PDB file of all heavy atoms in Angstrom:
ATOM      1  N   LEU A   1       0.895  -1.146  -0.007  1.00  0.00           N
ATOM      2  CA  LEU A   1       0.007   0.007  -0.011  1.00  0.00           C
ATOM      3  C   LEU A   1       0.919   1.203  -0.016  1.00  0.00           C
ATOM      4  O   LEU A   1       2.017   1.193   0.467  1.00  0.00           O
ATOM      5  CB  LEU A   1      -0.848   0.013   1.257  1.00  0.00           C
ATOM      6  CG  LEU A   1      -2.151  -0.754   1.285  1.00  0.00           C
ATOM      7  CD1 LEU A   1      -2.834  -0.671   2.669  1.00  0.00           C
ATOM      8  CD2 LEU A   1      -3.114  -0.505   0.273  1.00  0.00           C
ATOM      9  N   ARG A   2       0.323   2.343  -0.549  1.00  0.00           N
ATOM     10  CA  ARG A   2       1.055   3.648  -0.452  1.00  0.00           C
ATOM     11  C   ARG A   2       0.069   4.484   0.177  1.00  0.00           C
ATOM     12  O   ARG A   2      -0.962   4.962  -0.257  1.00  0.00           O
ATOM     13  CB  ARG A   2       1.508   4.134  -1.745  1.00  0.00           C
ATOM     14  CG  ARG A   2       2.395   5.401  -1.607  1.00  0.00           C
ATOM     15  CD  ARG A   2       2.842   5.883  -2.976  1.00  0.00           C
ATOM     16  NE  ARG A   2       1.854   6.601  -3.732  1.00  0.00           N
ATOM     17  CZ  ARG A   2       2.092   7.578  -4.706  1.00  0.00           C
ATOM     18  NH1 ARG A   2       3.339   7.762  -5.052  1.00  0.00           N
ATOM     19  NH2 ARG A   2       1.116   8.126  -5.299  1.00  0.00           N
ATOM     20  N   LEU A   3       0.556   5.041   1.393  1.00  0.00           N
ATOM     21  CA  LEU A   3      -0.237   6.149   2.134  1.00  0.00           C
ATOM     22  C   LEU A   3       0.249   7.481   1.771  1.00  0.00           C
ATOM     23  O   LEU A   3       1.361   7.690   1.431  1.00  0.00           O
ATOM     24  CB  LEU A   3       0.072   5.865   3.586  1.00  0.00           C
ATOM     25  CG  LEU A   3      -0.486   4.647   4.315  1.00  0.00           C
ATOM     26  CD1 LEU A   3      -0.256   4.651   5.791  1.00  0.00           C
ATOM     27  CD2 LEU A   3      -1.822   4.133   3.807  1.00  0.00           C
ATOM     28  N   SER A   4      -0.724   8.389   1.796  1.00  0.00           N
ATOM     29  CA  SER A   4      -0.349   9.805   1.315  1.00  0.00           C
ATOM     30  C   SER A   4      -0.745  10.581   2.428  1.00  0.00           C
ATOM     31  O   SER A   4      -1.718  10.468   3.165  1.00  0.00           O
ATOM     32  CB  SER A   4      -1.144  10.259   0.062  1.00  0.00           C
ATOM     33  OG  SER A   4      -0.710   9.408  -1.122  1.00  0.00           O
ATOM     34  N   CYS A   5       0.055  11.668   2.640  1.00  0.00           N
ATOM     35  CA  CYS A   5      -0.215  12.724   3.747  1.00  0.00           C
ATOM     36  C   CYS A   5      -0.104  14.211   3.009  1.00  0.00           C
ATOM     37  O   CYS A   5       0.974  14.525   2.612  1.00  0.00           O
ATOM     38  CB  CYS A   5       0.759  12.656   4.901  1.00  0.00           C
ATOM     39  SG  CYS A   5       0.689  13.944   6.174  1.00  0.00           S
ATOM     40  N   ALA A   6      -1.262  14.691   2.722  1.00  0.00           N
ATOM     41  CA  ALA A   6      -1.346  15.989   1.986  1.00  0.00           C
ATOM     42  C   ALA A   6      -1.506  17.093   3.011  1.00  0.00           C
ATOM     43  O   ALA A   6      -2.272  17.042   3.857  1.00  0.00           O
ATOM     44  CB  ALA A   6      -2.581  15.916   1.106  1.00  0.00           C
ATOM     45  N   ALA A   7      -0.621  18.012   2.827  1.00  0.00           N
ATOM     46  CA  ALA A   7      -0.601  19.299   3.702  1.00  0.00           C
ATOM     47  C   ALA A   7      -1.058  20.552   3.116  1.00  0.00           C
ATOM     48  O   ALA A   7      -0.927  20.662   1.945  1.00  0.00           O
ATOM     49  CB  ALA A   7       0.910  19.426   4.110  1.00  0.00           C
ATOM     50  N   SER A   8      -1.718  21.373   3.874  1.00  0.00           N
ATOM     51  CA  SER A   8      -2.222  22.688   3.406  1.00  0.00           C
ATOM     52  C   SER A   8      -2.186  23.621   4.568  1.00  0.00           C
ATOM     53  O   SER A   8      -2.131  23.267   5.773  1.00  0.00           O
ATOM     54  CB  SER A   8      -3.601  22.568   2.842  1.00  0.00           C
ATOM     55  OG  SER A   8      -4.544  22.138   3.873  1.00  0.00           O
ATOM     56  N   GLY A   9      -2.186  24.862   4.224  1.00  0.00           N
ATOM     57  CA  GLY A   9      -2.440  25.941   5.205  1.00  0.00           C
ATOM     58  C   GLY A   9      -1.185  26.598   5.827  1.00  0.00           C
ATOM     59  O   GLY A   9      -1.244  27.483   6.556  1.00  0.00           O
ATOM     60  N   SER A  10       0.031  26.112   5.420  1.00  0.00           N
ATOM     61  CA  SER A  10       1.322  26.694   5.826  1.00  0.00           C
ATOM     62  C   SER A  10       2.394  26.181   4.850  1.00  0.00           C
ATOM     63  O   SER A  10       2.062  25.438   3.997  1.00  0.00           O
ATOM     64  CB  SER A  10       1.558  26.240   7.306  1.00  0.00           C
ATOM     65  OG  SER A  10       2.664  26.982   7.736  1.00  0.00           O
ATOM     66  N   THR A  11       3.571  26.671   5.156  1.00  0.00           N
ATOM     67  CA  THR A  11       4.644  26.441   4.263  1.00  0.00           C
ATOM     68  C   THR A  11       5.112  24.968   4.494  1.00  0.00           C
ATOM     69  O   THR A  11       5.808  24.805   5.509  1.00  0.00           O
ATOM     70  CB  THR A  11       5.762  27.350   4.372  1.00  0.00           C
ATOM     71  OG1 THR A  11       5.202  28.723   4.173  1.00  0.00           O
ATOM     72  CG2 THR A  11       6.903  27.219   3.425  1.00  0.00           C
ATOM     73  N   PHE A  12       4.763  24.058   3.598  1.00  0.00           N
ATOM     74  CA  PHE A  12       5.149  22.693   3.767  1.00  0.00           C
ATOM     75  C   PHE A  12       6.641  22.470   3.990  1.00  0.00           C
ATOM     76  O   PHE A  12       7.110  21.594   4.764  1.00  0.00           O
ATOM     77  CB  PHE A  12       4.429  21.967   2.651  1.00  0.00           C
ATOM     78  CG  PHE A  12       4.728  20.460   2.660  1.00  0.00           C
ATOM     79  CD1 PHE A  12       4.257  19.699   3.662  1.00  0.00           C
ATOM     80  CD2 PHE A  12       5.560  19.797   1.621  1.00  0.00           C
ATOM     81  CE1 PHE A  12       4.436  18.289   3.610  1.00  0.00           C
ATOM     82  CE2 PHE A  12       5.755  18.523   1.673  1.00  0.00           C
ATOM     83  CZ  PHE A  12       5.169  17.661   2.713  1.00  0.00           C
ATOM     84  N   ASP A  13       7.404  23.180   3.249  1.00  0.00           N
ATOM     85  CA  ASP A  13       8.787  22.932   3.143  1.00  0.00           C
ATOM     86  C   ASP A  13       9.515  23.137   4.579  1.00  0.00           C
ATOM     87  O   ASP A  13      10.600  22.531   4.718  1.00  0.00           O
ATOM     88  CB  ASP A  13       9.492  23.913   2.270  1.00  0.00           C
ATOM     89  CG  ASP A  13       9.019  23.728   0.857  1.00  0.00           C
ATOM     90  OD1 ASP A  13       8.288  22.761   0.567  1.00  0.00           O
ATOM     91  OD2 ASP A  13       9.619  24.393  -0.151  1.00  0.00           O
ATOM     92  N   TYR A  14       8.908  23.787   5.522  1.00  0.00           N
ATOM     93  CA  TYR A  14       9.550  23.996   6.776  1.00  0.00           C
ATOM     94  C   TYR A  14       9.415  22.805   7.818  1.00  0.00           C
ATOM     95  O   TYR A  14      10.071  22.853   8.821  1.00  0.00           O
ATOM     96  CB  TYR A  14       8.902  25.171   7.423  1.00  0.00           C
ATOM     97  CG  TYR A  14       9.228  26.580   6.734  1.00  0.00           C
ATOM     98  CD1 TYR A  14       8.504  27.660   6.936  1.00  0.00           C
ATOM     99  CD2 TYR A  14      10.244  26.701   5.869  1.00  0.00           C
ATOM    100  CE1 TYR A  14       8.689  28.864   6.335  1.00  0.00           C
ATOM    101  CE2 TYR A  14      10.501  27.891   5.122  1.00  0.00           C
ATOM    102  CZ  TYR A  14       9.686  28.949   5.385  1.00  0.00           C
ATOM    103  OH  TYR A  14       9.920  30.113   4.806  1.00  0.00           O
ATOM    104  N   TYR A  15       8.580  21.892   7.439  1.00  0.00           N
ATOM    105  CA  TYR A  15       8.078  20.852   8.388  1.00  0.00           C
ATOM    106  C   TYR A  15       8.755  19.584   8.178  1.00  0.00           C
ATOM    107  O   TYR A  15       8.728  19.031   7.056  1.00  0.00           O
ATOM    108  CB  TYR A  15       6.605  20.796   8.433  1.00  0.00           C
ATOM    109  CG  TYR A  15       5.925  22.053   8.978  1.00  0.00           C
ATOM    110  CD1 TYR A  15       5.620  23.113   8.141  1.00  0.00           C
ATOM    111  CD2 TYR A  15       5.508  22.073  10.382  1.00  0.00           C
ATOM    112  CE1 TYR A  15       5.048  24.199   8.647  1.00  0.00           C
ATOM    113  CE2 TYR A  15       4.917  23.159  10.699  1.00  0.00           C
ATOM    114  CZ  TYR A  15       4.617  24.263   9.965  1.00  0.00           C
ATOM    115  OH  TYR A  15       3.978  25.391  10.436  1.00  0.00           O
ATOM    116  N   ALA A  16       9.235  18.910   9.314  1.00  0.00           N
ATOM    117  CA  ALA A  16       9.469  17.482   9.235  1.00  0.00           C
ATOM    118  C   ALA A  16       8.128  16.771   9.368  1.00  0.00           C
ATOM    119  O   ALA A  16       7.243  17.162   9.918  1.00  0.00           O
ATOM    120  CB  ALA A  16      10.424  17.092  10.389  1.00  0.00           C
ATOM    121  N   ILE A  17       8.065  15.615   8.633  1.00  0.00           N
ATOM    122  CA  ILE A  17       6.783  14.827   8.698  1.00  0.00           C
ATOM    123  C   ILE A  17       7.079  13.403   9.294  1.00  0.00           C
ATOM    124  O   ILE A  17       8.127  12.752   8.879  1.00  0.00           O
ATOM    125  CB  ILE A  17       6.222  14.663   7.333  1.00  0.00           C
ATOM    126  CG1 ILE A  17       5.941  15.937   6.672  1.00  0.00           C
ATOM    127  CG2 ILE A  17       4.888  13.858   7.347  1.00  0.00           C
ATOM    128  CD1 ILE A  17       4.960  16.862   7.344  1.00  0.00           C
ATOM    129  N   GLY A  18       6.267  12.956  10.179  1.00  0.00           N
ATOM    130  CA  GLY A  18       6.404  11.665  10.679  1.00  0.00           C
ATOM    131  C   GLY A  18       5.076  10.843  10.371  1.00  0.00           C
ATOM    132  O   GLY A  18       3.980  11.346  10.265  1.00  0.00           O
ATOM    133  N   TRP A  19       5.399   9.537  10.260  1.00  0.00           N
ATOM    134  CA  TRP A  19       4.383   8.586  10.161  1.00  0.00           C
ATOM    135  C   TRP A  19       4.180   7.846  11.528  1.00  0.00           C
ATOM    136  O   TRP A  19       5.286   7.375  11.956  1.00  0.00           O
ATOM    137  CB  TRP A  19       4.487   7.630   8.893  1.00  0.00           C
ATOM    138  CG  TRP A  19       3.946   8.255   7.659  1.00  0.00           C
ATOM    139  CD1 TRP A  19       4.804   8.827   6.690  1.00  0.00           C
ATOM    140  CD2 TRP A  19       2.707   8.329   7.237  1.00  0.00           C
ATOM    141  NE1 TRP A  19       4.184   9.126   5.742  1.00  0.00           N
ATOM    142  CE2 TRP A  19       2.793   8.974   5.917  1.00  0.00           C
ATOM    143  CE3 TRP A  19       1.444   8.001   7.702  1.00  0.00           C
ATOM    144  CZ2 TRP A  19       1.620   9.247   5.217  1.00  0.00           C
ATOM    145  CZ3 TRP A  19       0.200   8.269   6.857  1.00  0.00           C
ATOM    146  CH2 TRP A  19       0.357   8.960   5.620  1.00  0.00           C
ATOM    147  N   PHE A  20       3.049   7.513  12.023  1.00  0.00           N
ATOM    148  CA  PHE A  20       2.924   6.820  13.239  1.00  0.00           C
ATOM    149  C   PHE A  20       1.667   5.866  13.153  1.00  0.00           C
ATOM    150  O   PHE A  20       0.870   5.913  12.137  1.00  0.00           O
ATOM    151  CB  PHE A  20       2.422   7.835  14.427  1.00  0.00           C
ATOM    152  CG  PHE A  20       3.539   8.896  14.631  1.00  0.00           C
ATOM    153  CD1 PHE A  20       3.596  10.015  13.808  1.00  0.00           C
ATOM    154  CD2 PHE A  20       4.568   8.741  15.503  1.00  0.00           C
ATOM    155  CE1 PHE A  20       4.539  10.998  13.901  1.00  0.00           C
ATOM    156  CE2 PHE A  20       5.547   9.759  15.562  1.00  0.00           C
ATOM    157  CZ  PHE A  20       5.501  10.746  14.844  1.00  0.00           C
ATOM    158  N   ARG A  21       1.538   5.042  13.961  1.00  0.00           N
ATOM    159  CA  ARG A  21       0.436   4.085  13.909  1.00  0.00           C
ATOM    160  C   ARG A  21      -0.010   3.729  15.251  1.00  0.00           C
ATOM    161  O   ARG A  21       0.764   3.843  16.220  1.00  0.00           O
ATOM    162  CB  ARG A  21       0.718   2.768  13.111  1.00  0.00           C
ATOM    163  CG  ARG A  21       1.978   1.870  13.702  1.00  0.00           C
ATOM    164  CD  ARG A  21       2.287   0.761  12.788  1.00  0.00           C
ATOM    165  NE  ARG A  21       3.398  -0.057  13.325  1.00  0.00           N
ATOM    166  CZ  ARG A  21       3.927  -1.051  12.605  1.00  0.00           C
ATOM    167  NH1 ARG A  21       3.488  -1.360  11.383  1.00  0.00           N
ATOM    168  NH2 ARG A  21       4.970  -1.740  13.066  1.00  0.00           N
ATOM    169  N   GLN A  22      -1.258   3.337  15.470  1.00  0.00           N
ATOM    170  CA  GLN A  22      -1.803   3.023  16.684  1.00  0.00           C
ATOM    171  C   GLN A  22      -2.585   1.701  16.509  1.00  0.00           C
ATOM    172  O   GLN A  22      -3.556   1.548  15.802  1.00  0.00           O
ATOM    173  CB  GLN A  22      -2.808   4.113  17.086  1.00  0.00           C
ATOM    174  CG  GLN A  22      -3.260   4.061  18.571  1.00  0.00           C
ATOM    175  CD  GLN A  22      -3.864   5.324  19.041  1.00  0.00           C
ATOM    176  OE1 GLN A  22      -4.323   6.195  18.290  1.00  0.00           O
ATOM    177  NE2 GLN A  22      -3.994   5.418  20.334  1.00  0.00           N
ATOM    178  N   PHE A  23      -2.181   0.741  17.387  1.00  0.00           N
ATOM    179  CA  PHE A  23      -2.927  -0.546  17.627  1.00  0.00           C
ATOM    180  C   PHE A  23      -4.006  -0.250  18.668  1.00  0.00           C
ATOM    181  O   PHE A  23      -3.866   0.432  19.515  1.00  0.00           O
ATOM    182  CB  PHE A  23      -1.955  -1.534  17.990  1.00  0.00           C
ATOM    183  CG  PHE A  23      -0.705  -1.863  17.061  1.00  0.00           C
ATOM    184  CD1 PHE A  23       0.483  -1.526  17.466  1.00  0.00           C
ATOM    185  CD2 PHE A  23      -0.910  -2.209  15.773  1.00  0.00           C
ATOM    186  CE1 PHE A  23       1.573  -1.546  16.686  1.00  0.00           C
ATOM    187  CE2 PHE A  23       0.154  -2.381  14.926  1.00  0.00           C
ATOM    188  CZ  PHE A  23       1.428  -1.997  15.415  1.00  0.00           C
ATOM    189  N   PRO A  24      -5.084  -1.146  18.520  1.00  0.00           N
ATOM    190  CA  PRO A  24      -6.183  -1.104  19.317  1.00  0.00           C
ATOM    191  C   PRO A  24      -5.762  -1.239  20.936  1.00  0.00           C
ATOM    192  O   PRO A  24      -4.959  -2.135  21.239  1.00  0.00           O
ATOM    193  CB  PRO A  24      -7.218  -2.209  19.084  1.00  0.00           C
ATOM    194  CG  PRO A  24      -6.802  -2.427  17.554  1.00  0.00           C
ATOM    195  CD  PRO A  24      -5.395  -2.149  17.366  1.00  0.00           C
ATOM    196  N   GLY A  25      -6.198  -0.147  21.682  1.00  0.00           N
ATOM    197  CA  GLY A  25      -5.785  -0.232  23.075  1.00  0.00           C
ATOM    198  C   GLY A  25      -4.401   0.143  23.479  1.00  0.00           C
ATOM    199  O   GLY A  25      -4.048  -0.006  24.578  1.00  0.00           O
ATOM    200  N   GLU A  26      -3.698   0.603  22.504  1.00  0.00           N
ATOM    201  CA  GLU A  26      -2.265   0.969  22.701  1.00  0.00           C
ATOM    202  C   GLU A  26      -1.903   2.463  22.325  1.00  0.00           C
ATOM    203  O   GLU A  26      -2.862   3.052  21.583  1.00  0.00           O
ATOM    204  CB  GLU A  26      -1.289   0.052  22.041  1.00  0.00           C
ATOM    205  CG  GLU A  26      -1.416  -1.429  22.376  1.00  0.00           C
ATOM    206  CD  GLU A  26      -0.349  -2.201  21.612  1.00  0.00           C
ATOM    207  OE1 GLU A  26       0.618  -1.646  21.269  1.00  0.00           O
ATOM    208  OE2 GLU A  26      -0.533  -3.415  21.688  1.00  0.00           O
ATOM    209  N   ASP A  27      -0.874   2.994  22.717  1.00  0.00           N
ATOM    210  CA  ASP A  27      -0.347   4.355  22.374  1.00  0.00           C
ATOM    211  C   ASP A  27       0.027   4.303  20.935  1.00  0.00           C
ATOM    212  O   ASP A  27       0.503   3.388  20.469  1.00  0.00           O
ATOM    213  CB  ASP A  27       0.597   4.799  23.359  1.00  0.00           C
ATOM    214  CG  ASP A  27       0.190   4.994  24.802  1.00  0.00           C
ATOM    215  OD1 ASP A  27      -1.174   5.269  24.923  1.00  0.00           O
ATOM    216  OD2 ASP A  27       0.934   4.942  25.731  1.00  0.00           O
ATOM    217  N   ARG A  28       0.011   5.538  20.461  1.00  0.00           N
ATOM    218  CA  ARG A  28       0.696   5.636  18.974  1.00  0.00           C
ATOM    219  C   ARG A  28       2.202   5.365  19.069  1.00  0.00           C
ATOM    220  O   ARG A  28       2.840   5.701  20.064  1.00  0.00           O
ATOM    221  CB  ARG A  28       0.482   6.997  18.536  1.00  0.00           C
ATOM    222  CG  ARG A  28      -0.938   7.347  18.064  1.00  0.00           C
ATOM    223  CD  ARG A  28      -1.242   8.659  17.620  1.00  0.00           C
ATOM    224  NE  ARG A  28      -2.626   9.031  17.571  1.00  0.00           N
ATOM    225  CZ  ARG A  28      -3.174  10.158  17.175  1.00  0.00           C
ATOM    226  NH1 ARG A  28      -2.402  11.119  16.833  1.00  0.00           N
ATOM    227  NH2 ARG A  28      -4.429  10.327  17.260  1.00  0.00           N
ATOM    228  N   GLU A  29       2.669   4.723  18.009  1.00  0.00           N
ATOM    229  CA  GLU A  29       4.181   4.535  17.934  1.00  0.00           C
ATOM    230  C   GLU A  29       4.547   5.016  16.668  1.00  0.00           C
ATOM    231  O   GLU A  29       4.019   5.170  15.638  1.00  0.00           O
ATOM    232  CB  GLU A  29       4.350   2.975  18.146  1.00  0.00           C
ATOM    233  CG  GLU A  29       3.977   2.083  16.852  1.00  0.00           C
ATOM    234  CD  GLU A  29       4.518   0.715  17.056  1.00  0.00           C
ATOM    235  OE1 GLU A  29       4.618   0.158  18.053  1.00  0.00           O
ATOM    236  OE2 GLU A  29       4.678   0.220  15.859  1.00  0.00           O
ATOM    237  N   GLY A  30       5.990   5.436  16.691  1.00  0.00           N
ATOM    238  CA  GLY A  30       6.593   5.987  15.518  1.00  0.00           C
ATOM    239  C   GLY A  30       6.790   4.896  14.404  1.00  0.00           C
ATOM    240  O   GLY A  30       7.168   3.734  14.721  1.00  0.00           O
ATOM    241  N   VAL A  31       6.669   5.216  13.201  1.00  0.00           N
ATOM    242  CA  VAL A  31       6.961   4.218  12.083  1.00  0.00           C
ATOM    243  C   VAL A  31       8.090   4.842  11.315  1.00  0.00           C
ATOM    244  O   VAL A  31       9.067   3.994  11.015  1.00  0.00           O
ATOM    245  CB  VAL A  31       5.654   4.111  11.227  1.00  0.00           C
ATOM    246  CG1 VAL A  31       6.099   3.270  10.075  1.00  0.00           C
ATOM    247  CG2 VAL A  31       4.472   3.472  11.952  1.00  0.00           C
ATOM    248  N   SER A  32       8.064   6.129  10.881  1.00  0.00           N
ATOM    249  CA  SER A  32       9.014   6.652   9.921  1.00  0.00           C
ATOM    250  C   SER A  32       8.972   8.092  10.101  1.00  0.00           C
ATOM    251  O   SER A  32       7.899   8.729  10.512  1.00  0.00           O
ATOM    252  CB  SER A  32       8.866   6.246   8.548  1.00  0.00           C
ATOM    253  OG  SER A  32       9.862   6.678   7.699  1.00  0.00           O
ATOM    254  N   CYS A  33       9.974   8.797   9.628  1.00  0.00           N
ATOM    255  CA  CYS A  33       9.953  10.218   9.465  1.00  0.00           C
ATOM    256  C   CYS A  33      10.969  10.715   8.408  1.00  0.00           C
ATOM    257  O   CYS A  33      11.808  10.043   7.982  1.00  0.00           O
ATOM    258  CB  CYS A  33      10.339  10.993  10.842  1.00  0.00           C
ATOM    259  SG  CYS A  33      12.020  10.808  11.412  1.00  0.00           S
ATOM    260  N   ILE A  34      10.752  11.838   7.988  1.00  0.00           N
ATOM    261  CA  ILE A  34      11.523  12.559   6.967  1.00  0.00           C
ATOM    262  C   ILE A  34      11.656  14.065   7.303  1.00  0.00           C
ATOM    263  O   ILE A  34      10.800  14.661   7.663  1.00  0.00           O
ATOM    264  CB  ILE A  34      10.887  12.374   5.589  1.00  0.00           C
ATOM    265  CG1 ILE A  34      11.912  12.839   4.460  1.00  0.00           C
ATOM    266  CG2 ILE A  34       9.510  12.976   5.413  1.00  0.00           C
ATOM    267  CD1 ILE A  34      11.458  12.329   2.957  1.00  0.00           C
ATOM    268  N   SER A  35      12.957  14.507   7.254  1.00  0.00           N
ATOM    269  CA  SER A  35      13.160  15.885   7.611  1.00  0.00           C
ATOM    270  C   SER A  35      12.658  16.801   6.521  1.00  0.00           C
ATOM    271  O   SER A  35      12.341  16.434   5.492  1.00  0.00           O
ATOM    272  CB  SER A  35      14.658  16.047   7.721  1.00  0.00           C
ATOM    273  OG  SER A  35      15.341  15.867   6.539  1.00  0.00           O
ATOM    274  N   ALA A  36      12.684  18.147   6.881  1.00  0.00           N
ATOM    275  CA  ALA A  36      12.095  19.135   5.869  1.00  0.00           C
ATOM    276  C   ALA A  36      12.875  19.126   4.682  1.00  0.00           C
ATOM    277  O   ALA A  36      12.306  19.306   3.509  1.00  0.00           O
ATOM    278  CB  ALA A  36      12.104  20.534   6.636  1.00  0.00           C
TER     279      ALA A  36
END
């Protein structure tokens, strides 16, 4: 699968983006990230 994260409302280039996931009953955990 390919997930997409579309940003709007501010200058996207300034932001690092992270992907996280949450299993039922658990806290969110980090999956991956990419710097600005």
